[in-house]
Amino acid sequence: MSFFLFPGQGSQRPGMGADFFARSEAARAVFDEAAALLPPGFPDLVFTGTQEQLNDTRIAQPALLVVEVAIARHLDSRGVTPAGCAGHSLGEIPALVVAGALQLPHAVTLVLERARAMSENVPEGGMAAVLGLDADAIEAALPEGAQVANYNGPAQTIITGARVALEAAAARLKEAGAKRVMPLPVSGPFHSALMQAAVARLRAVLADMPIAPPRLRFVSSVSGRDETDPERIRRLLADQVACPVRWTDVMRCIGPIRAIEIGPGGVLKGLAKRMNGAPEVAAASTLEEADGI
């Protein structure tokens, strides 16, 4: 068995999941179940929408949830089952569905609210990728108002915060030896302390949502370790939008075993290649790739 890894927002692609919907009964059942809870025409928008349309947080997040669960269900129908699950940011929600902690209808409700909370009344700010400088040096150079958002590995760290703080951070990081500091096309300072209003909103949504103990290993990208207690998972899911993604710790926790990236693109596969001791990751972004596993 392989560890299933679920990518987060940013991995969305036009046409993602269309081949699974067309040719896999198990995957199509996921789309059909989710469609009843989503706006009319949702599957068509996922399959035929432009990259610009799919980049809208309110579309990208539910689309990725449904596509990733559909791919996992297709693999399961072929006898490919996970030893455990982990997800990068948004990817934690499909990971918890596949691990048996969340039911798909509840996950759709959560993701719709998460997307709204990250789209409406978002504080001014942004994010940037820092290349060529280790995380400790980055943390030491960051000014007040900026913090690490994603610990993605030795080759890439994402920072977040207020615009003014990010501009000051870019200058300091280049002085400290960073090769590049690249602003990211996002609409807010996600995974920062500035997102506390979204955290409060998600806590309210999660308060009465049924969450079961995972049936499989689940490694949280907030804590960077195995989590089994439903109440702690509930807290971590709310805190996640204001906390850094500790993907480096997730990879170390899983270790050098076989893994499959369940979703479009290949971001997590690329990150794993640049980390010592990380899983060996195969891609399952298309039906052809999934059936070749």
Protein backbone atom coordinates (compact mmCIF):
# COMPACT_ATOMS: atom_id res chain seq x y z
CA MET A 1 0.00 0.00 0.00
CA SER A 2 1.02 3.60 -0.62
CA PHE A 3 0.56 6.80 1.36
CA PHE A 4 -1.93 9.13 -0.36
CA LEU A 5 -0.91 12.80 -0.62
CA PHE A 6 -3.49 15.46 -1.54
CA PRO A 7 -2.37 18.81 -3.02
CA GLY A 8 -3.93 22.14 -2.09
CA GLN A 9 -5.09 25.27 -3.85
CA GLY A 10 -2.82 26.30 -6.70
CA SER A 11 -2.77 22.84 -8.26
CA GLN A 12 -6.11 23.31 -10.06
CA ARG A 13 -6.02 22.88 -13.84
CA PRO A 14 -8.64 23.27 -16.62
CA GLY A 15 -10.25 19.93 -17.41
CA MET A 16 -9.06 18.26 -14.21
CA GLY A 17 -11.04 15.14 -13.39
CA ALA A 18 -12.91 15.06 -16.70
CA ASP A 19 -11.35 11.76 -17.78
CA PHE A 20 -12.24 10.14 -14.44
CA PHE A 21 -15.83 11.41 -14.71
CA ALA A 22 -16.17 10.09 -18.25
CA ARG A 23 -14.68 6.63 -17.71
CA SER A 24 -14.83 5.68 -14.03
CA GLU A 25 -18.11 4.76 -12.31
CA ALA A 26 -16.53 5.11 -8.87
CA ALA A 27 -15.26 8.62 -9.64
CA ARG A 28 -18.52 9.68 -11.29
CA ALA A 29 -20.44 8.67 -8.16
CA VAL A 30 -18.38 11.19 -6.16
CA PHE A 31 -19.16 13.99 -8.63
CA ASP A 32 -22.86 13.08 -8.59
CA GLU A 33 -23.01 13.05 -4.77
CA ALA A 34 -21.22 16.40 -4.50
CA ALA A 35 -23.21 18.04 -7.32
CA ALA A 36 -26.36 17.95 -5.22
CA LEU A 37 -24.65 20.21 -2.67
CA LEU A 38 -22.91 22.57 -5.10
CA PRO A 39 -24.21 25.33 -7.43
CA PRO A 40 -25.91 24.21 -10.66
CA GLY A 41 -23.50 23.46 -13.48
CA PHE A 42 -20.60 22.87 -11.11
CA PRO A 43 -19.09 19.80 -12.85
CA ASP A 44 -19.20 21.53 -16.24
CA LEU A 45 -17.40 24.55 -14.78
CA VAL A 46 -14.66 22.29 -13.42
CA PHE A 47 -14.25 20.48 -16.73
CA THR A 48 -14.58 23.41 -19.16
CA GLY A 49 -13.71 26.48 -17.09
CA THR A 50 -10.67 28.62 -17.84
CA GLN A 51 -7.66 28.80 -15.58
CA GLU A 52 -8.80 32.26 -14.50
CA GLN A 53 -12.21 30.93 -13.47
CA LEU A 54 -10.68 28.00 -11.59
CA ASN A 55 -8.30 30.32 -9.75
CA ASP A 56 -11.27 31.85 -7.93
CA THR A 57 -10.94 30.47 -4.40
CA ARG A 58 -14.70 29.84 -4.20
CA ILE A 59 -14.43 27.54 -7.24
CA ALA A 60 -10.94 26.11 -6.78
CA GLN A 61 -11.43 24.74 -3.28
CA PRO A 62 -14.64 22.70 -3.79
CA ALA A 63 -13.39 21.63 -7.23
CA LEU A 64 -10.15 20.24 -5.81
CA LEU A 65 -12.00 18.49 -2.97
CA VAL A 66 -14.32 16.68 -5.37
CA VAL A 67 -11.67 15.82 -7.96
CA GLU A 68 -9.25 14.48 -5.36
CA VAL A 69 -11.82 12.33 -3.58
CA ALA A 70 -13.00 11.05 -6.98
CA ILE A 71 -9.47 10.01 -7.95
CA ALA A 72 -8.99 8.25 -4.62
CA ARG A 73 -12.29 6.38 -5.04
CA HIS A 74 -11.28 5.32 -8.55
CA LEU A 75 -8.00 3.93 -7.23
CA ASP A 76 -9.89 2.11 -4.47
CA SER A 77 -12.17 0.54 -7.08
CA ARG A 78 -9.02 -0.91 -8.67
CA GLY A 79 -7.69 -2.25 -5.38
CA VAL A 80 -5.21 0.57 -4.73
CA THR A 81 -5.83 1.53 -1.11
CA PRO A 82 -3.83 3.92 1.09
CA ALA A 83 -1.74 3.11 4.14
CA GLY A 84 -2.39 6.66 5.31
CA CYS A 85 -3.30 10.14 4.14
CA ALA A 86 -1.91 13.67 4.35
CA GLY A 87 -2.85 16.89 2.59
CA HIS A 88 -1.20 20.21 1.89
CA SER A 89 -3.46 22.95 3.33
CA LEU A 90 -6.85 22.49 1.58
CA GLY A 91 -5.69 18.95 0.71
CA GLU A 92 -6.20 17.94 4.33
CA ILE A 93 -9.96 17.93 3.82
CA PRO A 94 -10.04 15.30 1.02
CA ALA A 95 -7.36 13.44 3.00
CA LEU A 96 -9.71 13.25 5.98
CA VAL A 97 -12.58 12.08 3.74
CA VAL A 98 -10.48 9.24 2.36
CA ALA A 99 -9.19 8.42 5.85
CA GLY A 100 -12.79 8.04 7.03
CA ALA A 101 -12.85 10.97 9.47
CA LEU A 102 -15.16 13.19 7.40
CA GLN A 103 -18.14 12.28 5.23
CA LEU A 104 -18.15 13.88 1.78
CA PRO A 105 -21.31 16.00 2.32
CA HIS A 106 -19.82 17.48 5.49
CA ALA A 107 -16.53 18.09 3.70
CA VAL A 108 -18.32 19.97 0.91
CA THR A 109 -20.07 22.17 3.50
CA LEU A 110 -16.75 22.85 5.23
CA VAL A 111 -14.90 23.69 2.02
CA LEU A 112 -17.63 26.04 0.78
CA GLU A 113 -17.46 27.95 4.05
CA ARG A 114 -13.65 27.86 4.06
CA ALA A 115 -13.58 29.31 0.54
CA ARG A 116 -15.98 32.08 1.53
CA ALA A 117 -13.98 32.87 4.66
CA MET A 118 -10.83 33.16 2.55
CA SER A 119 -12.54 35.33 -0.09
CA GLU A 120 -14.70 37.78 1.84
CA ASN A 121 -13.39 40.59 4.06
CA VAL A 122 -9.84 39.29 3.73
CA PRO A 123 -7.18 41.54 5.31
CA GLU A 124 -4.81 43.41 3.00
CA GLY A 125 -1.71 41.34 2.31
CA GLY A 126 -0.19 38.61 0.18
CA MET A 127 2.32 35.79 -0.10
CA ALA A 128 5.71 35.22 -1.73
CA ALA A 129 7.94 32.26 -2.52
CA VAL A 130 11.52 32.38 -1.26
CA LEU A 131 14.09 30.28 -3.10
CA GLY A 132 17.67 29.46 -2.20
CA LEU A 133 17.62 30.18 1.54
CA ASP A 134 16.91 27.76 4.40
CA ALA A 135 13.92 28.24 6.65
CA ASP A 136 15.92 29.21 9.75
CA ALA A 137 17.67 32.02 7.88
CA ILE A 138 14.34 33.17 6.45
CA GLU A 139 12.71 33.30 9.87
CA ALA A 140 15.65 35.30 11.26
CA ALA A 141 15.37 37.87 8.46
CA LEU A 142 11.61 38.44 8.50
CA PRO A 143 10.37 41.81 9.78
CA GLU A 144 7.33 42.28 12.00
CA GLY A 145 4.16 41.64 10.04
CA ALA A 146 5.60 38.82 7.92
CA GLN A 147 5.84 35.13 8.78
CA VAL A 148 6.43 31.75 7.17
CA ALA A 149 3.28 30.32 5.54
CA ASN A 150 4.57 27.06 4.04
CA TYR A 151 7.62 25.05 5.00
CA ASN A 152 7.77 23.23 1.66
CA GLY A 153 11.33 21.89 1.90
CA PRO A 154 14.92 23.06 1.71
CA ALA A 155 14.45 24.53 -1.76
CA GLN A 156 11.24 26.50 -1.19
CA THR A 157 9.61 28.41 1.64
CA ILE A 158 6.48 30.57 1.31
CA ILE A 159 6.10 33.73 3.38
CA THR A 160 2.91 35.67 4.12
CA GLY A 161 1.78 38.90 5.72
CA ALA A 162 0.94 42.54 5.16
CA ARG A 163 2.10 44.03 1.82
CA VAL A 164 4.45 46.54 3.45
CA ALA A 165 6.00 43.80 5.57
CA LEU A 166 6.46 41.56 2.51
CA GLU A 167 8.23 44.34 0.63
CA ALA A 168 10.59 44.85 3.55
CA ALA A 169 11.05 41.08 3.83
CA ALA A 170 12.05 40.77 0.17
CA ALA A 171 14.87 43.26 0.62
CA ARG A 172 16.11 41.61 3.81
CA LEU A 173 15.93 38.11 2.37
CA LYS A 174 17.95 39.07 -0.71
CA GLU A 175 20.58 40.62 1.56
CA ALA A 176 20.60 37.35 3.55
CA GLY A 177 21.33 35.34 0.39
CA ALA A 178 17.96 34.35 -1.09
CA LYS A 179 18.20 33.67 -4.82
CA ARG A 180 14.68 34.86 -5.56
CA VAL A 181 11.66 36.27 -3.75
CA MET A 182 8.61 35.93 -5.98
CA PRO A 183 5.19 37.42 -5.12
CA LEU A 184 2.39 34.88 -5.57
CA PRO A 185 -0.95 35.62 -7.31
CA VAL A 186 -3.12 35.24 -4.21
CA SER A 187 -5.74 37.56 -2.77
CA GLY A 188 -4.68 37.69 0.87
CA PRO A 189 -2.17 36.85 3.62
CA PHE A 190 -3.23 33.21 3.95
CA HIS A 191 -1.69 31.06 6.69
CA SER A 192 -0.89 34.15 8.73
CA ALA A 193 -2.05 35.62 12.02
CA LEU A 194 -4.04 38.15 9.99
CA MET A 195 -6.58 35.41 9.17
CA GLN A 196 -8.07 35.12 12.67
CA ALA A 197 -11.53 36.22 11.49
CA ALA A 198 -11.59 33.25 9.11
CA VAL A 199 -10.47 30.96 11.94
CA ALA A 200 -13.39 32.11 14.10
CA ARG A 201 -15.81 31.55 11.22
CA LEU A 202 -14.51 28.02 10.65
CA ARG A 203 -14.64 27.16 14.33
CA ALA A 204 -18.35 27.96 14.28
CA VAL A 205 -18.91 25.74 11.22
CA LEU A 206 -16.87 22.89 12.68
CA ALA A 207 -18.40 23.04 16.17
CA ASP A 208 -21.21 20.57 15.43
CA MET A 209 -19.75 18.84 12.36
CA PRO A 210 -19.37 15.08 12.83
CA ILE A 211 -15.70 14.04 12.79
CA ALA A 212 -14.71 10.43 13.47
CA PRO A 213 -11.32 8.98 14.41
CA PRO A 214 -9.46 8.33 11.13
CA ARG A 215 -9.47 4.69 10.06
CA LEU A 216 -6.02 5.17 8.52
CA ARG A 217 -2.93 7.12 9.51
CA PHE A 218 -3.54 10.84 9.12
CA VAL A 219 -0.61 13.26 9.29
CA SER A 220 -1.62 16.88 9.87
CA SER A 221 0.12 19.65 7.97
CA VAL A 222 -0.53 21.98 10.92
CA SER A 223 1.20 19.84 13.55
CA GLY A 224 3.45 17.86 11.20
CA ARG A 225 2.60 14.60 12.97
CA ASP A 226 0.02 11.84 13.25
CA GLU A 227 -3.34 12.94 14.62
CA THR A 228 -6.12 10.60 15.79
CA ASP A 229 -8.32 12.57 18.20
CA PRO A 230 -11.42 14.02 16.47
CA GLU A 231 -11.58 17.07 18.74
CA ARG A 232 -7.96 17.95 18.09
CA ILE A 233 -8.48 17.46 14.34
CA ARG A 234 -11.48 19.81 14.58
CA ARG A 235 -9.29 22.51 16.18
CA LEU A 236 -6.48 22.03 13.68
CA LEU A 237 -8.86 22.35 10.71
CA ALA A 238 -10.01 25.74 11.96
CA ASP A 239 -6.55 26.97 12.95
CA GLN A 240 -5.07 25.82 9.64
CA VAL A 241 -5.86 29.01 7.66
CA ALA A 242 -3.83 31.11 10.14
CA CYS A 243 -1.00 28.60 10.76
CA PRO A 244 1.97 27.60 8.61
CA VAL A 245 1.85 24.43 6.51
CA ARG A 246 4.60 22.20 7.92
CA TRP A 247 5.03 20.07 4.83
CA THR A 248 8.70 19.35 5.52
CA ASP A 249 7.67 17.81 8.87
CA VAL A 250 4.89 15.84 7.16
CA MET A 251 7.38 14.32 4.72
CA ARG A 252 9.76 13.39 7.54
CA CYS A 253 6.92 11.87 9.55
CA ILE A 254 5.83 9.69 6.61
CA GLY A 255 9.38 8.75 5.69
CA PRO A 256 10.93 7.21 2.55
CA ILE A 257 8.03 4.97 1.55
CA ARG A 258 5.91 4.77 -1.60
CA ALA A 259 3.30 7.51 -2.01
CA ILE A 260 0.79 8.70 -4.61
CA GLU A 261 -0.15 12.31 -5.29
CA ILE A 262 -3.94 12.29 -5.59
CA GLY A 263 -4.81 15.33 -7.67
CA PRO A 264 -3.91 17.54 -10.62
CA GLY A 265 -0.43 18.82 -11.35
CA GLY A 266 2.55 17.31 -9.61
CA VAL A 267 3.51 19.90 -7.01
CA LEU A 268 3.92 17.47 -4.11
CA LYS A 269 5.90 15.03 -6.24
CA GLY A 270 8.27 17.85 -7.15
CA LEU A 271 8.69 18.95 -3.52
CA ALA A 272 9.41 15.38 -2.40
CA LYS A 273 12.20 15.01 -4.97
CA ARG A 274 14.05 17.88 -3.30
CA MET A 275 13.86 16.45 0.25
CA ASN A 276 16.10 13.83 1.79
CA GLY A 277 14.13 11.03 3.43
CA ALA A 278 10.84 11.97 1.78
CA PRO A 279 8.44 9.48 0.18
CA GLU A 280 8.93 8.37 -3.40
CA VAL A 281 5.86 9.92 -5.04
CA ALA A 282 3.99 8.73 -8.13
CA ALA A 283 1.43 10.97 -9.83
CA ALA A 284 -2.25 10.15 -10.31
CA SER A 285 -3.44 13.36 -11.95
CA THR A 286 -4.96 11.62 -14.99
CA LEU A 287 -6.83 8.37 -15.51
CA GLU A 288 -3.92 7.02 -17.52
CA GLU A 289 -1.49 7.72 -14.68
CA ALA A 290 -3.85 6.29 -12.08
CA ASP A 291 -4.39 3.09 -14.07
CA GLY A 292 -0.64 2.71 -14.50
CA ILE A 293 -0.03 2.53 -10.75
